[in-house]
Amino acid sequence: MQEQDTKEKRVRIIVDAMGGDNAPGEIVKGAVLALRELPVDITLVGKEDIIRKLLREEGCGEDGMTVVNATEEVLMEDNPSSVLREKKDSSMGVALRLLSEDKGDALVSAGSTGALLTGGTLFVKRIRGIRRAALAPVIPTKGGGALLIDCGANVECTPEYLLQFAFMGYFYAKRHMGIENPRVGLVNIGTEETKGTPLYRETYALLKKAKEEGTINFVGNIEGRDIVEGGADVILCDGFTGNVVLKTIEGVGMFFVGEMKKIFKQSFKTKIAALLVKSGLYGFKKMLDYRETGGAPLLGLAKPVIKAHGSSDAYSFESAIKQAAIYVNSDIIRDITGHMGSMTVNTEQNG
């Protein structure tokens, strides 16, 4: 649903070339694809000799592509809270420092989510006033797609966190996804205002007040079954709930596609039927494919950081770079900064 283009200005993208299951090969290939298709300059961070060899294999010259050496890698088994201090020359750590030093406009990594969140908060910093950064992927829905925030970065939340997530998601959906007045729905076990835990009831009250003030399009509670029906454009919840929602949707999607394949392979007649509905099935499969969006933004950080899928291939990583470029050319961070008054709760909570 990346409706806006990337033609406004040439964007500098920093890439963690050693992060993810398929690094550095697929990451470098994706970066080369992006360089050839988009108005971007790319800085690849990682083991320089390996990266330069891969670039030569792809026939990519020096124009628009820079390589910064980093001798260490962040591994999935590393402790997210300490790895960037212990591995100061890791590709992710160096990439984050480059972003913090304004050596690029955005960063894309397929590495450890926890390390990227911790490092983003440590090096890039949060937008002033934002309590927590949130991970916000686009999930497939009947309406084409919805932003899920948070999906795992913050397991324990306060009403203020969720209020801020709602506004950040609203601005991202408006600017990045091209939805004029995004509908924000709060995930709950019922649509009534009195449903849910104290966290969700208090959050409902804050969002209701914001709606009455005309600052956000809050449509109330949304049940799990209504998420994929397109009941809201921004699906709001704590990270624990969001991660369960995301993994459930992914699992059901894979199950459904797998069962459809079995059905269409049962006989000659079903194979003919598959040919007749091939274009429709392709469109459905594409809608479920994470490679189309490429990654999820860490909303709330002072600069754009995109978490690409850990198993990203070249196409997926190119999509993530495009996503980062669109983010840079949007006014999302400015919108968030300019509406902090509506996003702050007068309590003694300091996050």
Protein backbone atom coordinates (compact mmCIF):
# COMPACT_ATOMS: atom_id res chain seq x y z
CA MET A 1 0.00 0.00 0.00
CA GLN A 2 2.95 2.32 -0.54
CA GLU A 3 0.98 4.78 -2.63
CA GLN A 4 3.35 7.72 -2.55
CA ASP A 5 6.40 7.82 -4.80
CA THR A 6 10.01 8.48 -3.90
CA LYS A 7 10.70 11.26 -6.42
CA GLU A 8 10.73 14.21 -4.01
CA LYS A 9 14.46 14.00 -3.27
CA ARG A 10 17.37 11.63 -3.48
CA VAL A 11 17.43 9.69 -0.23
CA ARG A 12 20.49 8.29 1.57
CA ILE A 13 19.76 4.80 2.87
CA ILE A 14 22.07 2.99 5.31
CA VAL A 15 21.85 -0.79 5.05
CA ASP A 16 22.92 -3.35 7.65
CA ALA A 17 24.36 -5.78 5.11
CA MET A 18 25.08 -8.58 7.62
CA GLY A 19 21.65 -8.80 9.28
CA GLY A 20 19.11 -11.53 8.52
CA ASP A 21 19.01 -15.17 7.49
CA ASN A 22 20.13 -14.52 3.91
CA ALA A 23 22.83 -11.92 4.54
CA PRO A 24 24.90 -10.67 2.97
CA GLY A 25 24.08 -12.12 -0.46
CA GLU A 26 20.36 -11.31 -0.75
CA ILE A 27 20.79 -8.02 1.11
CA VAL A 28 23.41 -6.81 -1.36
CA LYS A 29 21.29 -7.97 -4.31
CA GLY A 30 18.28 -6.11 -2.91
CA ALA A 31 20.35 -2.96 -2.42
CA VAL A 32 21.59 -3.14 -6.02
CA LEU A 33 18.01 -3.54 -7.28
CA ALA A 34 16.93 -0.51 -5.25
CA LEU A 35 19.85 1.57 -6.49
CA ARG A 36 18.88 0.81 -10.09
CA GLU A 37 15.17 1.49 -9.60
CA LEU A 38 14.92 4.27 -7.03
CA PRO A 39 16.39 7.76 -6.45
CA VAL A 40 18.57 6.59 -3.59
CA ASP A 41 22.21 6.48 -2.53
CA ILE A 42 23.07 3.44 -0.45
CA THR A 43 25.67 2.80 2.23
CA LEU A 44 26.27 -0.90 2.85
CA VAL A 45 27.72 -1.67 6.28
CA GLY A 46 29.47 -4.97 6.93
CA LYS A 47 32.53 -7.02 6.01
CA GLU A 48 33.96 -4.90 3.22
CA ASP A 49 35.84 -7.57 1.28
CA ILE A 50 32.79 -9.83 1.08
CA ILE A 51 30.42 -6.98 0.15
CA ARG A 52 32.68 -5.62 -2.58
CA LYS A 53 33.02 -9.11 -4.08
CA LEU A 54 29.23 -9.44 -4.16
CA LEU A 55 28.88 -6.00 -5.76
CA ARG A 56 31.32 -6.97 -8.50
CA GLU A 57 29.31 -10.13 -9.13
CA GLU A 58 26.19 -7.97 -9.52
CA GLY A 59 28.01 -5.62 -11.92
CA CYS A 60 27.51 -2.69 -9.59
CA GLY A 61 30.01 0.17 -9.70
CA GLU A 62 30.85 2.85 -7.16
CA ASP A 63 28.26 5.41 -8.31
CA GLY A 64 25.63 5.79 -5.60
CA MET A 65 26.98 2.88 -3.55
CA THR A 66 29.30 3.22 -0.54
CA VAL A 67 30.72 0.44 1.61
CA VAL A 68 31.63 0.95 5.28
CA ASN A 69 33.58 -1.82 6.96
CA ALA A 70 32.30 -3.51 10.12
CA THR A 71 34.03 -6.63 11.37
CA GLU A 72 31.36 -8.09 13.66
CA GLU A 73 27.79 -9.36 13.28
CA VAL A 74 24.78 -9.32 15.59
CA LEU A 75 23.59 -12.91 15.85
CA MET A 76 20.04 -13.97 16.70
CA GLU A 77 21.25 -15.70 19.88
CA ASP A 78 22.99 -12.54 21.15
CA ASN A 79 21.45 -10.65 24.07
CA PRO A 80 19.52 -7.75 22.46
CA SER A 81 20.02 -5.44 25.45
CA SER A 82 23.83 -5.70 25.53
CA VAL A 83 25.07 -6.93 22.14
CA LEU A 84 25.70 -3.49 20.66
CA ARG A 85 27.87 -2.58 23.65
CA GLU A 86 29.72 -5.88 23.49
CA LYS A 87 30.10 -5.83 19.70
CA LYS A 88 30.90 -2.20 19.04
CA ASP A 89 32.06 -2.94 15.50
CA SER A 90 28.96 -4.89 14.50
CA SER A 91 27.30 -3.98 11.21
CA MET A 92 24.08 -2.99 13.01
CA GLY A 93 25.89 -0.88 15.60
CA VAL A 94 28.00 0.94 13.01
CA ALA A 95 24.92 1.51 10.82
CA LEU A 96 22.98 3.00 13.74
CA ARG A 97 25.88 5.30 14.63
CA LEU A 98 26.10 6.48 11.02
CA LEU A 99 22.40 7.34 11.11
CA SER A 100 22.77 9.19 14.41
CA GLU A 101 25.67 11.18 12.90
CA ASP A 102 23.48 12.21 9.92
CA LYS A 103 25.51 10.10 7.48
CA GLY A 104 22.20 8.87 6.07
CA ASP A 105 18.47 9.65 6.11
CA ALA A 106 17.16 6.19 7.07
CA LEU A 107 18.34 2.72 8.05
CA VAL A 108 17.17 -0.74 6.97
CA SER A 109 18.11 -3.95 8.77
CA ALA A 110 16.87 -7.54 8.70
CA GLY A 111 18.77 -8.35 11.90
CA SER A 112 17.60 -8.92 15.46
CA THR A 113 14.44 -6.94 16.25
CA GLY A 114 15.35 -6.57 19.91
CA ALA A 115 18.86 -5.33 19.18
CA LEU A 116 17.57 -2.90 16.54
CA LEU A 117 14.97 -1.49 18.93
CA THR A 118 17.51 -1.16 21.75
CA GLY A 119 20.14 0.31 19.46
CA GLY A 120 17.68 2.68 17.82
CA THR A 121 16.66 4.01 21.21
CA LEU A 122 20.29 4.26 22.37
CA PHE A 123 21.89 5.82 19.28
CA VAL A 124 19.14 7.39 17.17
CA LYS A 125 16.98 8.36 20.19
CA ARG A 126 13.23 8.68 20.41
CA ILE A 127 11.28 11.73 19.31
CA ARG A 128 11.20 14.10 22.26
CA GLY A 129 8.17 13.23 24.41
CA ILE A 130 7.62 9.77 22.96
CA ARG A 131 7.75 7.16 25.73
CA ARG A 132 8.43 4.07 23.63
CA ALA A 133 9.12 3.23 19.99
CA ALA A 134 6.69 0.73 18.46
CA LEU A 135 6.97 -1.83 15.68
CA ALA A 136 4.22 -1.38 13.10
CA PRO A 137 3.87 -3.84 10.18
CA VAL A 138 1.11 -3.69 7.56
CA ILE A 139 -1.14 -6.75 7.75
CA PRO A 140 -3.46 -7.96 4.96
CA THR A 141 -7.14 -7.12 5.36
CA LYS A 142 -10.27 -7.08 3.25
CA GLY A 143 -9.75 -3.36 2.68
CA GLY A 144 -6.23 -3.90 1.35
CA GLY A 145 -4.13 -3.59 4.49
CA ALA A 146 -4.00 -2.14 7.99
CA LEU A 147 -1.19 -0.98 10.24
CA LEU A 148 -0.73 -3.11 13.36
CA ILE A 149 0.86 -1.20 16.26
CA ASP A 150 2.52 -2.49 18.43
CA CYS A 151 3.41 -6.02 17.29
CA GLY A 152 6.02 -7.04 19.85
CA ALA A 153 8.35 -4.21 20.83
CA ASN A 154 6.48 -3.40 24.07
CA VAL A 155 4.94 -6.33 25.91
CA GLU A 156 3.97 -4.21 28.92
CA CYS A 157 2.28 -0.90 28.17
CA THR A 158 0.57 2.02 29.88
CA PRO A 159 -2.47 3.91 28.56
CA GLU A 160 -0.15 6.74 27.53
CA TYR A 161 2.00 4.40 25.47
CA LEU A 162 -1.06 3.14 23.63
CA LEU A 163 -2.35 6.68 23.10
CA GLN A 164 0.96 7.61 21.52
CA PHE A 165 0.99 4.45 19.41
CA ALA A 166 -2.47 5.38 18.13
CA PHE A 167 -1.33 8.82 16.99
CA MET A 168 1.91 7.52 15.47
CA GLY A 169 -0.02 4.84 13.59
CA TYR A 170 -2.60 7.39 12.46
CA PHE A 171 0.04 9.69 10.96
CA TYR A 172 1.93 6.82 9.34
CA ALA A 173 -1.22 5.42 7.74
CA LYS A 174 -2.15 8.89 6.52
CA ARG A 175 1.21 9.93 5.10
CA HIS A 176 2.77 6.63 4.06
CA MET A 177 -0.24 4.51 3.14
CA GLY A 178 -2.23 7.35 1.59
CA ILE A 179 -5.37 6.95 3.74
CA GLU A 180 -7.03 10.35 4.12
CA ASN A 181 -8.48 9.93 7.61
CA PRO A 182 -7.34 6.56 9.01
CA ARG A 183 -9.72 4.73 11.34
CA VAL A 184 -8.08 3.70 14.61
CA GLY A 185 -9.48 0.61 16.32
CA LEU A 186 -8.50 -0.71 19.77
CA VAL A 187 -8.18 -4.52 19.88
CA ASN A 188 -10.45 -5.90 22.60
CA ILE A 189 -12.67 -8.84 23.56
CA GLY A 190 -15.84 -6.91 22.79
CA THR A 191 -16.98 -3.66 21.22
CA GLU A 192 -18.49 -2.19 24.39
CA GLU A 193 -16.65 0.64 26.10
CA THR A 194 -16.54 -1.28 29.40
CA LYS A 195 -14.82 -4.37 27.96
CA GLY A 196 -11.27 -5.48 28.62
CA THR A 197 -8.59 -4.99 31.26
CA PRO A 198 -8.02 -1.68 33.11
CA LEU A 199 -5.28 -0.86 30.57
CA TYR A 200 -7.72 -1.10 27.68
CA ARG A 201 -10.58 0.67 29.44
CA GLU A 202 -8.32 3.59 30.36
CA THR A 203 -6.90 3.71 26.85
CA TYR A 204 -10.42 3.74 25.43
CA ALA A 205 -11.24 6.79 27.56
CA LEU A 206 -8.14 8.64 26.32
CA LEU A 207 -8.90 7.85 22.68
CA LYS A 208 -12.55 8.82 23.09
CA LYS A 209 -11.45 12.19 24.47
CA ALA A 210 -9.03 12.66 21.56
CA LYS A 211 -11.83 11.88 19.11
CA GLU A 212 -14.12 14.42 20.77
CA GLU A 213 -11.34 16.98 20.41
CA GLY A 214 -11.11 16.16 16.71
CA THR A 215 -7.47 15.03 16.78
CA ILE A 216 -7.89 11.37 15.83
CA ASN A 217 -10.45 9.17 14.06
CA PHE A 218 -11.08 6.61 16.81
CA VAL A 219 -13.76 4.05 15.86
CA GLY A 220 -13.87 2.19 19.18
CA ASN A 221 -13.02 -1.35 20.16
CA ILE A 222 -12.40 -3.92 17.45
CA GLU A 223 -12.64 -7.68 17.93
CA GLY A 224 -10.17 -10.13 16.41
CA ARG A 225 -12.58 -11.36 13.74
CA ASP A 226 -13.13 -7.79 12.50
CA ILE A 227 -9.43 -7.07 12.00
CA VAL A 228 -9.12 -8.97 8.70
CA GLU A 229 -12.56 -7.72 7.64
CA GLY A 230 -11.12 -4.22 7.39
CA GLY A 231 -12.79 -2.80 10.50
CA ALA A 232 -9.99 -0.27 11.00
CA ASP A 233 -6.94 1.12 9.21
CA VAL A 234 -4.82 1.25 12.36
CA ILE A 235 -5.03 -1.76 14.68
CA LEU A 236 -3.96 -0.65 18.16
CA CYS A 237 -2.80 -2.96 20.96
CA ASP A 238 0.05 -3.77 23.32
CA GLY A 239 3.02 -5.67 21.92
CA PHE A 240 2.03 -9.01 23.45
CA THR A 241 -1.43 -8.95 21.88
CA GLY A 242 -0.09 -7.55 18.62
CA ASN A 243 2.48 -10.29 18.23
CA VAL A 244 -0.18 -12.96 18.78
CA VAL A 245 -2.42 -11.26 16.19
CA LEU A 246 0.42 -11.01 13.66
CA LYS A 247 1.61 -14.60 14.04
CA THR A 248 -1.98 -15.91 13.93
CA ILE A 249 -2.69 -14.07 10.68
CA GLU A 250 0.58 -15.31 9.18
CA GLY A 251 -0.18 -18.88 10.26
CA VAL A 252 -3.74 -18.87 8.96
CA GLY A 253 -2.54 -17.38 5.67
CA MET A 254 0.09 -20.09 5.18
CA PHE A 255 -2.42 -22.78 6.18
CA PHE A 256 -5.04 -21.49 3.76
CA VAL A 257 -2.63 -21.20 0.82
CA GLY A 258 -1.29 -24.71 1.54
CA GLU A 259 -4.77 -26.24 1.66
CA MET A 260 -5.78 -24.48 -1.56
CA LYS A 261 -2.76 -25.98 -3.31
CA LYS A 262 -3.76 -29.46 -2.12
CA ILE A 263 -7.32 -28.99 -3.37
CA PHE A 264 -6.26 -27.80 -6.82
CA LYS A 265 -3.80 -30.68 -7.25
CA GLN A 266 -6.33 -33.44 -6.46
CA SER A 267 -7.38 -34.25 -10.02
CA PHE A 268 -7.30 -33.19 -13.64
CA LYS A 269 -10.54 -31.22 -13.17
CA THR A 270 -9.24 -29.32 -10.17
CA LYS A 271 -6.04 -28.49 -12.07
CA ILE A 272 -8.16 -27.04 -14.88
CA ALA A 273 -10.11 -25.07 -12.27
CA ALA A 274 -6.83 -23.74 -10.90
CA LEU A 275 -5.90 -22.43 -14.34
CA LEU A 276 -9.26 -20.65 -14.61
CA VAL A 277 -8.77 -18.79 -11.32
CA LYS A 278 -4.98 -18.43 -11.60
CA SER A 279 -4.96 -14.62 -11.74
CA GLY A 280 -7.25 -14.34 -8.73
CA LEU A 281 -5.15 -16.79 -6.73
CA TYR A 282 -1.99 -14.89 -7.66
CA GLY A 283 -3.52 -11.63 -6.41
CA PHE A 284 -4.57 -13.30 -3.17
CA LYS A 285 -1.13 -14.81 -2.62
CA LYS A 286 0.51 -11.46 -3.35
CA MET A 287 -1.71 -9.78 -0.76
CA LEU A 288 -0.45 -12.24 1.88
CA ASP A 289 3.20 -11.93 0.82
CA TYR A 290 5.31 -9.95 3.34
CA ARG A 291 7.81 -9.28 0.56
CA GLU A 292 5.51 -6.66 -0.95
CA THR A 293 5.91 -4.25 1.98
CA GLY A 294 9.40 -5.40 2.89
CA GLY A 295 9.44 -4.47 6.55
CA ALA A 296 7.97 -2.64 9.50
CA PRO A 297 8.89 0.85 10.72
CA LEU A 298 10.03 1.48 14.28
CA LEU A 299 7.73 4.43 14.87
CA GLY A 300 8.73 6.94 17.53
CA LEU A 301 12.44 7.08 16.72
CA ALA A 302 13.85 10.45 15.69
CA LYS A 303 14.84 9.10 12.25
CA PRO A 304 13.32 6.42 10.01
CA VAL A 305 14.39 2.87 10.88
CA ILE A 306 12.87 -0.07 9.00
CA LYS A 307 12.99 -3.62 10.34
CA ALA A 308 13.03 -5.91 7.32
CA HIS A 309 11.84 -9.51 7.65
CA GLY A 310 14.54 -11.82 8.96
CA SER A 311 14.19 -14.14 5.96
CA SER A 312 14.20 -11.32 3.41
CA ASP A 313 15.26 -12.15 -0.13
CA ALA A 314 16.47 -9.55 -2.63
CA TYR A 315 12.96 -8.52 -3.73
CA SER A 316 11.77 -8.14 -0.15
CA PHE A 317 14.79 -6.08 0.81
CA GLU A 318 14.34 -3.81 -2.19
CA SER A 319 10.76 -3.24 -0.99
CA ALA A 320 12.07 -2.37 2.48
CA ILE A 321 14.47 0.20 1.01
CA LYS A 322 11.60 1.71 -1.00
CA GLN A 323 9.55 1.84 2.19
CA ALA A 324 12.38 3.69 3.95
CA ALA A 325 12.68 6.20 1.10
CA ILE A 326 8.95 6.96 1.19
CA TYR A 327 9.15 7.38 4.97
CA VAL A 328 11.95 9.95 4.61
CA ASN A 329 9.96 11.97 2.08
CA SER A 330 6.86 12.02 4.26
CA ASP A 331 6.08 14.40 7.12
CA ILE A 332 5.37 11.64 9.63
CA ILE A 333 8.03 12.59 12.18
CA ARG A 334 7.06 16.26 11.89
CA ASP A 335 3.39 15.33 12.40
CA ILE A 336 4.24 13.34 15.53
CA THR A 337 6.43 16.13 16.92
CA GLY A 338 3.77 18.76 16.24
CA HIS A 339 1.01 16.86 18.06
CA MET A 340 2.80 15.92 21.27
CA GLY A 341 0.31 17.98 23.28
CA SER A 342 -2.49 15.62 22.26
CA MET A 343 -0.33 12.56 22.92
CA THR A 344 0.74 13.30 26.49
CA VAL A 345 -1.11 12.21 29.62
CA ASN A 346 -0.80 14.35 32.73
CA THR A 347 0.33 11.64 35.11
CA GLU A 348 3.43 10.92 37.13
CA GLN A 349 4.47 8.14 34.69
CA ASN A 350 7.91 8.70 33.31
CA GLY A 351 8.07 5.55 31.15
